[in-house]
């Protein structure tokens, strides 16, 4: 079962997320999910 998290973004971050969503024709939720996945991949692939 998925876990739900709440993300709080400032105005600048929100604008960037909305811009990306419009550019790629996806929802802001999908943009946030992709950003989280990308960040986690970067962390996993960075030497400790």
PDB file of N, CA and C in Angstrom:
ATOM      1  N   UNK A   1       0.843  -1.181   0.000  1.00  0.00           N
ATOM      2  CA  UNK A   1       0.000   0.000   0.000  1.00  0.00           C
ATOM      3  C   UNK A   1       0.885   1.240   0.000  1.00  0.00           C
ATOM      4  N   UNK A   2       0.624   2.195  -0.892  1.00  0.00           N
ATOM      5  CA  UNK A   2       1.462   3.389  -0.966  1.00  0.00           C
ATOM      6  C   UNK A   2       1.322   4.272   0.276  1.00  0.00           C
ATOM      7  N   UNK A   3       2.389   4.981   0.556  1.00  0.00           N
ATOM      8  CA  UNK A   3       2.387   5.951   1.641  1.00  0.00           C
ATOM      9  C   UNK A   3       2.208   7.332   1.037  1.00  0.00           C
ATOM     10  N   UNK A   4       1.428   8.161   1.693  1.00  0.00           N
ATOM     11  CA  UNK A   4       1.185   9.520   1.230  1.00  0.00           C
ATOM     12  C   UNK A   4       2.052  10.496   2.015  1.00  0.00           C
ATOM     13  N   UNK A   5       2.662  11.433   1.281  1.00  0.00           N
ATOM     14  CA  UNK A   5       3.444  12.490   1.897  1.00  0.00           C
ATOM     15  C   UNK A   5       2.881  13.830   1.440  1.00  0.00           C
ATOM     16  N   UNK A   6       3.096  14.850   2.225  1.00  0.00           N
ATOM     17  CA  UNK A   6       2.725  16.206   1.854  1.00  0.00           C
ATOM     18  C   UNK A   6       4.009  16.986   1.609  1.00  0.00           C
ATOM     19  N   UNK A   7       4.048  17.680   0.483  1.00  0.00           N
ATOM     20  CA  UNK A   7       5.212  18.488   0.135  1.00  0.00           C
ATOM     21  C   UNK A   7       4.784  19.949   0.129  1.00  0.00           C
ATOM     22  N   UNK A   8       5.536  20.794   0.805  1.00  0.00           N
ATOM     23  CA  UNK A   8       5.252  22.222   0.828  1.00  0.00           C
ATOM     24  C   UNK A   8       6.314  22.917  -0.009  1.00  0.00           C
ATOM     25  N   UNK A   9       5.860  23.655  -1.027  1.00  0.00           N
ATOM     26  CA  UNK A   9       6.763  24.358  -1.941  1.00  0.00           C
ATOM     27  C   UNK A   9       6.548  25.853  -1.821  1.00  0.00           C
ATOM     28  N   UNK A  10       7.630  26.600  -2.007  1.00  0.00           N
ATOM     29  CA  UNK A  10       7.461  28.050  -2.040  1.00  0.00           C
ATOM     30  C   UNK A  10       6.917  28.456  -3.409  1.00  0.00           C
ATOM     31  N   UNK A  11       6.630  29.726  -3.580  1.00  0.00           N
ATOM     32  CA  UNK A  11       6.009  30.207  -4.825  1.00  0.00           C
ATOM     33  C   UNK A  11       6.876  29.935  -6.048  1.00  0.00           C
ATOM     34  N   UNK A  12       8.186  30.145  -5.928  1.00  0.00           N
ATOM     35  CA  UNK A  12       9.085  29.908  -7.061  1.00  0.00           C
ATOM     36  C   UNK A  12       9.082  28.444  -7.465  1.00  0.00           C
ATOM     37  N   UNK A  13       9.165  27.544  -6.485  1.00  0.00           N
ATOM     38  CA  UNK A  13       9.142  26.114  -6.783  1.00  0.00           C
ATOM     39  C   UNK A  13       7.814  25.708  -7.420  1.00  0.00           C
ATOM     40  N   UNK A  14       6.732  26.251  -6.920  1.00  0.00           N
ATOM     41  CA  UNK A  14       5.412  25.938  -7.473  1.00  0.00           C
ATOM     42  C   UNK A  14       5.301  26.363  -8.925  1.00  0.00           C
ATOM     43  N   UNK A  15       5.838  27.545  -9.233  1.00  0.00           N
ATOM     44  CA  UNK A  15       5.799  28.019 -10.626  1.00  0.00           C
ATOM     45  C   UNK A  15       6.594  27.099 -11.539  1.00  0.00           C
ATOM     46  N   UNK A  16       7.755  26.659 -11.092  1.00  0.00           N
ATOM     47  CA  UNK A  16       8.577  25.762 -11.902  1.00  0.00           C
ATOM     48  C   UNK A  16       7.851  24.437 -12.121  1.00  0.00           C
ATOM     49  N   UNK A  17       7.241  23.897 -11.073  1.00  0.00           N
ATOM     50  CA  UNK A  17       6.507  22.634 -11.181  1.00  0.00           C
ATOM     51  C   UNK A  17       5.352  22.771 -12.162  1.00  0.00           C
ATOM     52  N   UNK A  18       4.588  23.844 -12.062  1.00  0.00           N
ATOM     53  CA  UNK A  18       3.458  24.068 -12.971  1.00  0.00           C
ATOM     54  C   UNK A  18       3.938  24.262 -14.412  1.00  0.00           C
ATOM     55  N   UNK A  19       5.052  24.959 -14.588  1.00  0.00           N
ATOM     56  CA  UNK A  19       5.614  25.151 -15.924  1.00  0.00           C
ATOM     57  C   UNK A  19       6.024  23.819 -16.535  1.00  0.00           C
ATOM     58  N   UNK A  20       6.683  22.985 -15.757  1.00  0.00           N
ATOM     59  CA  UNK A  20       7.082  21.657 -16.252  1.00  0.00           C
ATOM     60  C   UNK A  20       5.861  20.809 -16.592  1.00  0.00           C
ATOM     61  N   UNK A  21       4.849  20.877 -15.762  1.00  0.00           N
ATOM     62  CA  UNK A  21       3.631  20.103 -16.002  1.00  0.00           C
ATOM     63  C   UNK A  21       2.991  20.522 -17.328  1.00  0.00           C
ATOM     64  N   UNK A  22       2.885  21.815 -17.559  1.00  0.00           N
ATOM     65  CA  UNK A  22       2.302  22.302 -18.821  1.00  0.00           C
ATOM     66  C   UNK A  22       3.163  21.911 -20.015  1.00  0.00           C
ATOM     67  N   UNK A  23       4.473  22.081 -19.859  1.00  0.00           N
ATOM     68  CA  UNK A  23       5.396  21.790 -20.966  1.00  0.00           C
ATOM     69  C   UNK A  23       5.290  20.341 -21.408  1.00  0.00           C
ATOM     70  N   UNK A  24       5.159  19.427 -20.460  1.00  0.00           N
ATOM     71  CA  UNK A  24       5.154  18.006 -20.795  1.00  0.00           C
ATOM     72  C   UNK A  24       3.766  17.381 -20.791  1.00  0.00           C
ATOM     73  N   UNK A  25       2.745  18.184 -20.564  1.00  0.00           N
ATOM     74  CA  UNK A  25       1.377  17.685 -20.614  1.00  0.00           C
ATOM     75  C   UNK A  25       1.055  16.652 -19.555  1.00  0.00           C
ATOM     76  N   UNK A  26       1.621  16.860 -18.356  1.00  0.00           N
ATOM     77  CA  UNK A  26       1.364  15.956 -17.236  1.00  0.00           C
ATOM     78  C   UNK A  26       0.889  16.776 -16.040  1.00  0.00           C
ATOM     79  N   UNK A  27       0.474  16.092 -14.999  1.00  0.00           N
ATOM     80  CA  UNK A  27       0.000  16.797 -13.808  1.00  0.00           C
ATOM     81  C   UNK A  27       1.178  17.254 -12.952  1.00  0.00           C
ATOM     82  N   UNK A  28       0.901  18.198 -12.086  1.00  0.00           N
ATOM     83  CA  UNK A  28       1.946  18.645 -11.154  1.00  0.00           C
ATOM     84  C   UNK A  28       2.350  17.507 -10.228  1.00  0.00           C
ATOM     85  N   UNK A  29       1.410  16.635  -9.889  1.00  0.00           N
ATOM     86  CA  UNK A  29       1.730  15.480  -9.049  1.00  0.00           C
ATOM     87  C   UNK A  29       2.738  14.569  -9.736  1.00  0.00           C
ATOM     88  N   UNK A  30       2.564  14.383 -11.053  1.00  0.00           N
ATOM     89  CA  UNK A  30       3.508  13.553 -11.799  1.00  0.00           C
ATOM     90  C   UNK A  30       4.885  14.202 -11.860  1.00  0.00           C
ATOM     91  N   UNK A  31       4.924  15.521 -12.005  1.00  0.00           N
ATOM     92  CA  UNK A  31       6.205  16.239 -12.002  1.00  0.00           C
ATOM     93  C   UNK A  31       6.907  16.021 -10.666  1.00  0.00           C
ATOM     94  N   UNK A  32       6.193  16.199  -9.581  1.00  0.00           N
ATOM     95  CA  UNK A  32       6.787  16.033  -8.251  1.00  0.00           C
ATOM     96  C   UNK A  32       7.284  14.605  -8.070  1.00  0.00           C
ATOM     97  N   UNK A  33       6.492  13.619  -8.502  1.00  0.00           N
ATOM     98  CA  UNK A  33       6.900  12.216  -8.392  1.00  0.00           C
ATOM     99  C   UNK A  33       8.201  11.979  -9.165  1.00  0.00           C
ATOM    100  N   UNK A  34       8.280  12.512 -10.379  1.00  0.00           N
ATOM    101  CA  UNK A  34       9.490  12.329 -11.183  1.00  0.00           C
ATOM    102  C   UNK A  34      10.689  13.027 -10.552  1.00  0.00           C
ATOM    103  N   UNK A  35      10.479  14.208  -9.977  1.00  0.00           N
ATOM    104  CA  UNK A  35      11.575  14.909  -9.314  1.00  0.00           C
ATOM    105  C   UNK A  35      12.090  14.119  -8.109  1.00  0.00           C
ATOM    106  N   UNK A  36      11.173  13.544  -7.357  1.00  0.00           N
ATOM    107  CA  UNK A  36      11.571  12.729  -6.190  1.00  0.00           C
ATOM    108  C   UNK A  36      12.346  11.503  -6.654  1.00  0.00           C
ATOM    109  N   UNK A  37      11.826  10.808  -7.666  1.00  0.00           N
ATOM    110  CA  UNK A  37      12.509   9.618  -8.177  1.00  0.00           C
ATOM    111  C   UNK A  37      13.904   9.951  -8.693  1.00  0.00           C
ATOM    112  N   UNK A  38      14.003  11.062  -9.421  1.00  0.00           N
ATOM    113  CA  UNK A  38      15.291  11.488  -9.958  1.00  0.00           C
ATOM    114  C   UNK A  38      16.277  11.810  -8.835  1.00  0.00           C
ATOM    115  N   UNK A  39      15.801  12.520  -7.812  1.00  0.00           N
ATOM    116  CA  UNK A  39      16.656  12.848  -6.672  1.00  0.00           C
ATOM    117  C   UNK A  39      17.117  11.606  -5.919  1.00  0.00           C
ATOM    118  N   UNK A  40      16.214  10.654  -5.738  1.00  0.00           N
ATOM    119  CA  UNK A  40      16.579   9.415  -5.045  1.00  0.00           C
ATOM    120  C   UNK A  40      17.580   8.600  -5.869  1.00  0.00           C
ATOM    121  N   UNK A  41      17.390   8.578  -7.200  1.00  0.00           N
ATOM    122  CA  UNK A  41      18.354   7.888  -8.062  1.00  0.00           C
ATOM    123  C   UNK A  41      19.727   8.523  -7.938  1.00  0.00           C
ATOM    124  N   UNK A  42      19.774   9.859  -7.918  1.00  0.00           N
ATOM    125  CA  UNK A  42      21.056  10.559  -7.779  1.00  0.00           C
ATOM    126  C   UNK A  42      21.733  10.199  -6.468  1.00  0.00           C
ATOM    127  N   UNK A  43      20.971  10.156  -5.394  1.00  0.00           N
ATOM    128  CA  UNK A  43      21.527   9.827  -4.078  1.00  0.00           C
ATOM    129  C   UNK A  43      22.067   8.403  -4.082  1.00  0.00           C
ATOM    130  N   UNK A  44      21.310   7.479  -4.666  1.00  0.00           N
ATOM    131  CA  UNK A  44      21.740   6.071  -4.699  1.00  0.00           C
ATOM    132  C   UNK A  44      22.991   5.884  -5.525  1.00  0.00           C
ATOM    133  N   UNK A  45      23.212   6.726  -6.536  1.00  0.00           N
ATOM    134  CA  UNK A  45      24.354   6.571  -7.434  1.00  0.00           C
ATOM    135  C   UNK A  45      25.536   7.453  -7.063  1.00  0.00           C
ATOM    136  N   UNK A  46      25.440   8.155  -5.944  1.00  0.00           N
ATOM    137  CA  UNK A  46      26.526   8.999  -5.465  1.00  0.00           C
ATOM    138  C   UNK A  46      27.312   8.234  -4.405  1.00  0.00           C
ATOM    139  N   UNK A  47      28.643   8.130  -4.604  1.00  0.00           N
ATOM    140  CA  UNK A  47      29.445   7.431  -3.595  1.00  0.00           C
ATOM    141  C   UNK A  47      29.321   8.093  -2.216  1.00  0.00           C
ATOM    142  N   UNK A  48      29.288   7.267  -1.192  1.00  0.00           N
ATOM    143  CA  UNK A  48      29.139   7.768   0.176  1.00  0.00           C
ATOM    144  C   UNK A  48      30.404   8.400   0.695  1.00  0.00           C
TER     145      UNK A  48
END
